N, C-alpha and C. Protein backbone atom coordinates (compact mmCIF):
# COMPACT_ATOMS: atom_id res chain seq x y z
N MET A 1 85.75 189.10 60.24
CA MET A 1 86.55 188.74 61.38
C MET A 1 85.75 188.87 62.67
N ARG A 2 84.97 189.93 62.79
CA ARG A 2 84.17 190.14 64.00
C ARG A 2 83.18 188.99 64.19
N TYR A 3 82.62 188.48 63.11
CA TYR A 3 81.66 187.39 63.17
C TYR A 3 82.32 186.13 63.73
N SER A 4 83.53 185.81 63.27
CA SER A 4 84.20 184.60 63.73
C SER A 4 84.60 184.71 65.20
N ASN A 5 84.94 185.92 65.68
CA ASN A 5 85.24 186.11 67.10
C ASN A 5 84.01 185.85 67.95
N GLY A 6 82.84 186.29 67.47
CA GLY A 6 81.59 186.06 68.18
C GLY A 6 81.27 184.58 68.28
N ILE A 7 81.51 183.86 67.20
CA ILE A 7 81.27 182.41 67.22
C ILE A 7 82.21 181.74 68.20
N PHE A 8 83.47 182.15 68.18
CA PHE A 8 84.44 181.57 69.11
C PHE A 8 84.02 181.82 70.55
N ALA A 9 83.58 183.05 70.87
CA ALA A 9 83.16 183.38 72.23
C ALA A 9 81.96 182.53 72.64
N PHE A 10 81.01 182.37 71.71
CA PHE A 10 79.84 181.56 72.00
C PHE A 10 80.23 180.11 72.27
N LEU A 11 81.09 179.54 71.42
CA LEU A 11 81.52 178.16 71.60
C LEU A 11 82.29 177.96 72.89
N ALA A 12 83.11 178.93 73.25
CA ALA A 12 83.87 178.85 74.51
C ALA A 12 82.91 178.86 75.69
N ALA A 13 81.91 179.74 75.66
CA ALA A 13 80.94 179.80 76.75
C ALA A 13 80.12 178.52 76.82
N ALA A 14 79.73 177.99 75.68
CA ALA A 14 78.97 176.74 75.65
C ALA A 14 79.81 175.60 76.21
N GLY A 15 81.08 175.60 75.91
CA GLY A 15 81.98 174.56 76.43
C GLY A 15 82.08 174.61 77.94
N LEU A 16 82.07 175.81 78.52
CA LEU A 16 82.12 175.94 79.97
C LEU A 16 80.87 175.39 80.62
N VAL A 17 79.71 175.66 80.00
CA VAL A 17 78.46 175.15 80.54
C VAL A 17 78.45 173.62 80.47
N VAL A 18 78.89 173.07 79.36
CA VAL A 18 78.94 171.61 79.21
C VAL A 18 79.93 171.03 80.20
N SER A 19 81.10 171.67 80.37
CA SER A 19 82.11 171.18 81.30
C SER A 19 81.57 171.17 82.72
N SER A 20 80.83 172.21 83.09
CA SER A 20 80.26 172.29 84.42
C SER A 20 79.24 171.17 84.63
N ALA A 21 78.41 170.93 83.63
CA ALA A 21 77.43 169.86 83.73
C ALA A 21 78.12 168.50 83.76
N HIS A 22 79.19 168.34 83.00
CA HIS A 22 79.92 167.09 82.97
C HIS A 22 80.58 166.80 84.32
N ALA A 23 80.97 167.84 85.04
CA ALA A 23 81.63 167.67 86.33
C ALA A 23 80.72 166.97 87.33
N GLN A 24 79.40 167.08 87.12
CA GLN A 24 78.46 166.42 88.02
C GLN A 24 78.62 164.91 87.98
N SER A 25 79.07 164.37 86.85
CA SER A 25 79.16 162.93 86.71
C SER A 25 80.51 162.37 87.11
N ILE A 26 81.44 163.21 87.51
CA ILE A 26 82.77 162.75 87.90
C ILE A 26 82.73 162.34 89.37
N PRO A 27 83.11 161.11 89.70
CA PRO A 27 83.08 160.67 91.09
C PRO A 27 83.96 161.57 91.95
N GLY A 28 83.46 161.91 93.14
CA GLY A 28 84.22 162.72 94.07
C GLY A 28 84.04 164.22 93.87
N VAL A 29 83.45 164.62 92.76
CA VAL A 29 83.26 166.04 92.52
C VAL A 29 81.89 166.47 93.01
N GLY A 30 80.90 165.60 92.91
CA GLY A 30 79.56 165.96 93.34
C GLY A 30 78.90 166.86 92.31
N SER A 31 77.98 167.66 92.78
CA SER A 31 77.27 168.54 91.84
C SER A 31 78.16 169.69 91.43
N ALA A 32 77.84 170.27 90.31
CA ALA A 32 78.62 171.42 89.83
C ALA A 32 78.54 172.56 90.82
N GLY A 33 77.42 172.69 91.48
CA GLY A 33 77.27 173.74 92.49
C GLY A 33 78.24 173.53 93.64
N ASN A 34 78.35 172.28 94.11
CA ASN A 34 79.29 171.99 95.19
C ASN A 34 80.72 172.16 94.72
N ALA A 35 80.98 171.80 93.49
CA ALA A 35 82.35 171.91 92.97
C ALA A 35 82.79 173.35 92.89
N MET A 36 81.86 174.25 92.66
CA MET A 36 82.21 175.65 92.49
C MET A 36 81.98 176.49 93.75
N SER A 37 81.28 175.95 94.76
CA SER A 37 81.02 176.79 95.93
C SER A 37 82.32 177.04 96.67
N GLY A 38 82.39 178.18 97.28
CA GLY A 38 83.60 178.58 97.99
C GLY A 38 84.62 179.24 97.09
N MET A 39 84.30 179.40 95.81
CA MET A 39 85.24 180.01 94.87
C MET A 39 84.63 181.28 94.32
N SER A 40 85.22 182.40 94.70
CA SER A 40 84.77 183.69 94.18
C SER A 40 85.66 184.77 94.74
N GLY A 41 85.29 186.00 94.45
CA GLY A 41 85.93 187.10 95.11
C GLY A 41 87.07 187.77 94.36
N MET A 42 87.51 187.25 93.26
CA MET A 42 88.62 187.86 92.56
C MET A 42 88.27 188.22 91.13
N SER A 43 87.00 188.35 90.81
CA SER A 43 86.59 188.57 89.42
C SER A 43 87.07 189.90 88.86
N GLY A 44 87.46 190.84 89.70
CA GLY A 44 87.91 192.13 89.22
C GLY A 44 89.32 192.12 88.66
N MET A 45 90.04 191.05 88.84
CA MET A 45 91.43 191.02 88.40
C MET A 45 91.48 190.70 86.91
N THR A 46 92.15 191.55 86.16
CA THR A 46 92.22 191.37 84.72
C THR A 46 93.63 191.55 84.21
N ASP A 47 94.60 191.05 84.92
CA ASP A 47 95.98 191.25 84.52
C ASP A 47 96.52 190.09 83.69
N GLY A 48 95.73 189.63 82.76
CA GLY A 48 96.18 188.57 81.88
C GLY A 48 95.77 187.18 82.35
N THR A 49 95.20 187.07 83.53
CA THR A 49 94.79 185.77 84.02
C THR A 49 93.31 185.52 83.74
N GLY A 50 92.58 186.55 83.37
CA GLY A 50 91.20 186.44 82.91
C GLY A 50 90.30 185.59 83.77
N MET A 51 89.70 184.57 83.17
CA MET A 51 88.69 183.75 83.81
C MET A 51 89.22 183.03 85.03
N MET A 52 90.48 182.62 85.02
CA MET A 52 91.02 181.91 86.17
C MET A 52 90.91 182.73 87.44
N SER A 53 91.08 184.03 87.35
CA SER A 53 91.00 184.88 88.53
C SER A 53 89.62 184.83 89.16
N SER A 54 88.59 184.68 88.36
CA SER A 54 87.25 184.63 88.91
C SER A 54 86.96 183.30 89.58
N MET A 55 87.84 182.34 89.44
CA MET A 55 87.63 181.03 90.04
C MET A 55 88.52 180.79 91.25
N LEU A 56 89.18 181.82 91.74
CA LEU A 56 90.00 181.68 92.93
C LEU A 56 89.09 181.56 94.15
N PRO A 57 89.59 180.94 95.21
CA PRO A 57 88.73 180.70 96.37
C PRO A 57 88.41 181.96 97.16
N ASN A 58 87.30 181.92 97.83
CA ASN A 58 86.92 182.96 98.77
C ASN A 58 87.45 182.50 100.13
N ILE A 59 88.47 183.16 100.63
CA ILE A 59 89.13 182.67 101.83
C ILE A 59 88.53 183.20 103.12
N SER A 60 87.50 183.99 103.04
CA SER A 60 86.94 184.61 104.24
C SER A 60 86.45 183.60 105.27
N SER A 61 86.11 182.39 104.85
CA SER A 61 85.62 181.40 105.80
C SER A 61 86.71 180.43 106.26
N ALA A 62 87.94 180.63 105.81
CA ALA A 62 89.04 179.77 106.24
C ALA A 62 89.38 180.06 107.70
N SER A 63 89.64 179.02 108.46
CA SER A 63 89.97 179.19 109.88
C SER A 63 91.36 179.79 110.05
N THR A 64 91.61 180.31 111.23
CA THR A 64 92.92 180.87 111.54
C THR A 64 94.01 179.82 111.37
N GLY A 65 93.73 178.59 111.82
CA GLY A 65 94.70 177.51 111.68
C GLY A 65 95.00 177.19 110.23
N ASN A 66 93.96 177.16 109.41
CA ASN A 66 94.17 176.86 108.00
C ASN A 66 94.91 177.98 107.30
N VAL A 67 94.58 179.23 107.62
CA VAL A 67 95.29 180.37 107.04
C VAL A 67 96.77 180.30 107.42
N ALA A 68 97.05 179.99 108.68
CA ALA A 68 98.45 179.88 109.13
C ALA A 68 99.16 178.74 108.40
N GLY A 69 98.47 177.62 108.21
CA GLY A 69 99.06 176.49 107.52
C GLY A 69 99.35 176.79 106.05
N VAL A 70 98.41 177.43 105.38
CA VAL A 70 98.62 177.80 103.97
C VAL A 70 99.73 178.83 103.86
N LEU A 71 99.77 179.75 104.81
CA LEU A 71 100.85 180.74 104.82
C LEU A 71 102.21 180.05 104.98
N THR A 72 102.26 179.03 105.82
CA THR A 72 103.49 178.23 105.97
C THR A 72 103.86 177.60 104.64
N TYR A 73 102.88 176.99 103.97
CA TYR A 73 103.09 176.38 102.66
C TYR A 73 103.65 177.40 101.67
N CYS A 74 103.05 178.58 101.65
CA CYS A 74 103.46 179.62 100.70
C CYS A 74 104.88 180.11 100.97
N VAL A 75 105.24 180.30 102.24
CA VAL A 75 106.59 180.76 102.58
C VAL A 75 107.62 179.67 102.29
N GLN A 76 107.33 178.44 102.69
CA GLN A 76 108.27 177.34 102.48
C GLN A 76 108.52 177.06 101.00
N ASN A 77 107.51 177.31 100.17
CA ASN A 77 107.65 177.06 98.74
C ASN A 77 108.01 178.31 97.95
N ASN A 78 108.40 179.37 98.68
CA ASN A 78 108.87 180.62 98.08
C ASN A 78 107.84 181.34 97.21
N TYR A 79 106.55 181.17 97.51
CA TYR A 79 105.52 181.94 96.83
C TYR A 79 105.33 183.28 97.53
N LEU A 80 105.78 183.36 98.78
CA LEU A 80 105.77 184.59 99.56
C LEU A 80 107.12 184.72 100.24
N SER A 81 107.57 185.94 100.39
CA SER A 81 108.80 186.19 101.14
C SER A 81 108.71 187.57 101.76
N GLY A 82 109.66 187.89 102.58
CA GLY A 82 109.69 189.21 103.19
C GLY A 82 109.20 189.20 104.61
N SER A 83 109.45 190.34 105.27
CA SER A 83 109.13 190.43 106.69
C SER A 83 107.63 190.42 106.96
N GLY A 84 106.83 190.93 106.02
CA GLY A 84 105.37 190.93 106.23
C GLY A 84 104.82 189.52 106.34
N ALA A 85 105.28 188.63 105.46
CA ALA A 85 104.81 187.25 105.47
C ALA A 85 105.31 186.51 106.72
N THR A 86 106.59 186.67 107.03
CA THR A 86 107.13 185.95 108.19
C THR A 86 106.57 186.49 109.50
N SER A 87 106.33 187.79 109.57
CA SER A 87 105.75 188.39 110.77
C SER A 87 104.32 187.89 110.99
N ALA A 88 103.52 187.89 109.94
CA ALA A 88 102.14 187.41 110.04
C ALA A 88 102.13 185.93 110.41
N LEU A 89 103.01 185.16 109.79
CA LEU A 89 103.09 183.73 110.08
C LEU A 89 103.47 183.50 111.54
N SER A 90 104.45 184.21 112.01
CA SER A 90 104.89 184.09 113.40
C SER A 90 103.77 184.43 114.37
N SER A 91 103.05 185.50 114.09
CA SER A 91 101.94 185.92 114.95
C SER A 91 100.82 184.89 114.98
N LEU A 92 100.47 184.36 113.82
CA LEU A 92 99.39 183.38 113.76
C LEU A 92 99.77 182.07 114.43
N THR A 93 100.97 181.59 114.15
CA THR A 93 101.38 180.30 114.73
C THR A 93 101.65 180.42 116.23
N GLY A 94 101.79 181.64 116.72
CA GLY A 94 101.96 181.84 118.15
C GLY A 94 100.67 181.78 118.94
N LYS A 95 99.55 181.80 118.25
CA LYS A 95 98.26 181.73 118.92
C LYS A 95 98.02 180.30 119.41
N GLN A 96 97.40 180.19 120.56
CA GLN A 96 97.17 178.90 121.18
C GLN A 96 96.30 177.99 120.31
N GLY A 97 96.75 176.76 120.12
CA GLY A 97 96.00 175.74 119.41
C GLY A 97 96.09 175.78 117.90
N VAL A 98 96.70 176.81 117.34
CA VAL A 98 96.73 176.95 115.88
C VAL A 98 97.52 175.83 115.23
N THR A 99 98.75 175.60 115.68
CA THR A 99 99.61 174.62 115.01
C THR A 99 99.22 173.17 115.31
N SER A 100 98.37 172.97 116.30
CA SER A 100 97.95 171.60 116.60
C SER A 100 96.64 171.22 115.91
N SER A 101 96.05 172.16 115.17
CA SER A 101 94.76 171.88 114.53
C SER A 101 94.93 171.11 113.22
N SER A 102 93.91 170.36 112.89
CA SER A 102 93.92 169.62 111.61
C SER A 102 93.84 170.59 110.43
N ASP A 103 93.21 171.73 110.63
CA ASP A 103 93.14 172.74 109.57
C ASP A 103 94.53 173.27 109.23
N TYR A 104 95.37 173.45 110.27
CA TYR A 104 96.74 173.91 110.06
C TYR A 104 97.51 172.88 109.25
N LYS A 105 97.36 171.61 109.61
CA LYS A 105 98.07 170.54 108.91
C LYS A 105 97.64 170.46 107.44
N ALA A 106 96.35 170.64 107.19
CA ALA A 106 95.85 170.66 105.80
C ALA A 106 96.45 171.85 105.04
N GLY A 107 96.52 172.98 105.70
CA GLY A 107 97.09 174.17 105.08
C GLY A 107 98.56 173.98 104.72
N GLN A 108 99.31 173.31 105.59
CA GLN A 108 100.72 173.04 105.31
C GLN A 108 100.90 172.21 104.04
N GLN A 109 99.87 171.45 103.69
CA GLN A 109 99.89 170.64 102.47
C GLN A 109 99.37 171.41 101.26
N GLY A 110 99.05 172.68 101.45
CA GLY A 110 98.55 173.50 100.36
C GLY A 110 97.06 173.38 100.14
N GLN A 111 96.33 172.92 101.16
CA GLN A 111 94.88 172.78 101.07
C GLN A 111 94.21 173.95 101.79
N LEU A 112 93.53 174.79 101.04
CA LEU A 112 92.78 175.90 101.61
C LEU A 112 91.36 175.42 101.83
N LEU A 113 90.95 175.40 103.09
CA LEU A 113 89.61 174.93 103.45
C LEU A 113 88.65 176.12 103.42
N THR A 114 87.73 176.09 102.48
CA THR A 114 86.86 177.24 102.24
C THR A 114 85.47 177.09 102.83
N GLY A 115 85.31 176.19 103.75
CA GLY A 115 84.03 176.02 104.42
C GLY A 115 83.35 174.72 104.02
N GLY A 116 82.64 174.14 104.96
CA GLY A 116 81.96 172.87 104.71
C GLY A 116 82.96 171.80 104.34
N SER A 117 82.66 171.07 103.30
CA SER A 117 83.56 170.00 102.85
C SER A 117 84.40 170.45 101.66
N ASN A 118 84.43 171.76 101.40
CA ASN A 118 85.16 172.28 100.25
C ASN A 118 86.62 172.55 100.59
N ALA A 119 87.50 172.07 99.74
CA ALA A 119 88.93 172.34 99.88
C ALA A 119 89.44 172.80 98.52
N PHE A 120 90.34 173.74 98.56
CA PHE A 120 90.95 174.27 97.34
C PHE A 120 92.43 173.96 97.42
N SER A 121 92.94 173.20 96.46
CA SER A 121 94.34 172.79 96.47
C SER A 121 95.20 173.76 95.68
N LEU A 122 96.18 174.34 96.36
CA LEU A 122 97.10 175.23 95.67
C LEU A 122 97.94 174.49 94.65
N SER A 123 98.14 173.21 94.84
CA SER A 123 98.95 172.45 93.89
C SER A 123 98.27 172.35 92.52
N SER A 124 96.97 172.62 92.46
CA SER A 124 96.26 172.57 91.18
C SER A 124 96.48 173.84 90.36
N LEU A 125 97.10 174.84 90.95
CA LEU A 125 97.33 176.11 90.26
C LEU A 125 98.70 176.15 89.61
N LYS A 126 98.81 176.95 88.60
CA LYS A 126 100.08 177.12 87.88
C LYS A 126 100.63 178.51 88.12
N GLY A 127 101.94 178.63 88.12
CA GLY A 127 102.66 179.89 88.11
C GLY A 127 102.16 180.97 89.02
N GLN A 128 101.83 182.11 88.43
CA GLN A 128 101.46 183.29 89.19
C GLN A 128 100.15 183.13 89.95
N MET A 129 99.33 182.17 89.57
CA MET A 129 98.07 181.97 90.27
C MET A 129 98.34 181.53 91.72
N LYS A 130 99.38 180.72 91.94
CA LYS A 130 99.73 180.32 93.30
C LYS A 130 100.13 181.55 94.11
N GLN A 131 100.90 182.43 93.50
CA GLN A 131 101.31 183.65 94.20
C GLN A 131 100.10 184.53 94.52
N LYS A 132 99.14 184.59 93.62
CA LYS A 132 97.94 185.40 93.86
C LYS A 132 97.18 184.85 95.07
N VAL A 133 97.00 183.54 95.13
CA VAL A 133 96.29 182.96 96.27
C VAL A 133 97.10 183.17 97.54
N CYS A 134 98.40 182.99 97.48
CA CYS A 134 99.24 183.21 98.66
C CYS A 134 99.14 184.65 99.13
N ASN A 135 99.11 185.60 98.22
CA ASN A 135 98.95 187.00 98.60
C ASN A 135 97.57 187.27 99.20
N MET A 136 96.55 186.59 98.69
CA MET A 136 95.21 186.70 99.27
C MET A 136 95.22 186.19 100.71
N VAL A 137 95.89 185.04 100.91
CA VAL A 137 95.97 184.44 102.23
C VAL A 137 96.73 185.36 103.18
N LEU A 138 97.82 185.94 102.71
CA LEU A 138 98.60 186.87 103.53
C LEU A 138 97.74 188.07 103.94
N SER A 139 97.01 188.61 103.01
CA SER A 139 96.14 189.74 103.30
C SER A 139 95.10 189.37 104.36
N HIS A 140 94.51 188.19 104.21
CA HIS A 140 93.52 187.72 105.19
C HIS A 140 94.18 187.47 106.54
N ALA A 141 95.39 186.93 106.52
CA ALA A 141 96.12 186.66 107.76
C ALA A 141 96.33 187.95 108.54
N LYS A 142 96.67 189.02 107.84
CA LYS A 142 96.89 190.31 108.51
C LYS A 142 95.59 190.82 109.13
N ASN A 143 94.46 190.50 108.51
CA ASN A 143 93.17 190.89 109.08
C ASN A 143 92.83 190.09 110.33
N LEU A 144 93.40 188.89 110.45
CA LEU A 144 93.13 188.04 111.61
C LEU A 144 93.97 188.43 112.83
N LEU A 145 94.98 189.24 112.62
CA LEU A 145 95.87 189.62 113.73
C LEU A 145 95.27 190.68 114.62
């Protein structure tokens, strides 16, 4: 049994490498490096989400406007609730120029801009992963206040 688990792990890892290389040939994705840049920072999470957690975006380079927009998206879609989320949202959107920025508008659509031409779409996530990203954004929003 131990031998077959090792083979499965090897095949799964090989499939990821092939998938990453294959992504280079998909129009609009660019190189695998570009497709994956801006995504990191959550590899320590092991609550059943495993590998997906290590592929969450690094939000440290997101602008204040984009963070406010994504926070709006998260609150409106009930991925976040409570006074902490609404207070942070109110404070951020009260800052001059935040709600008029294109980054804010992208965030309202669930697009987290992680720097350069990289965008991370929350709509591509399933279930609890959206809540995890929304909680990350909320935490970052509190740091921006």
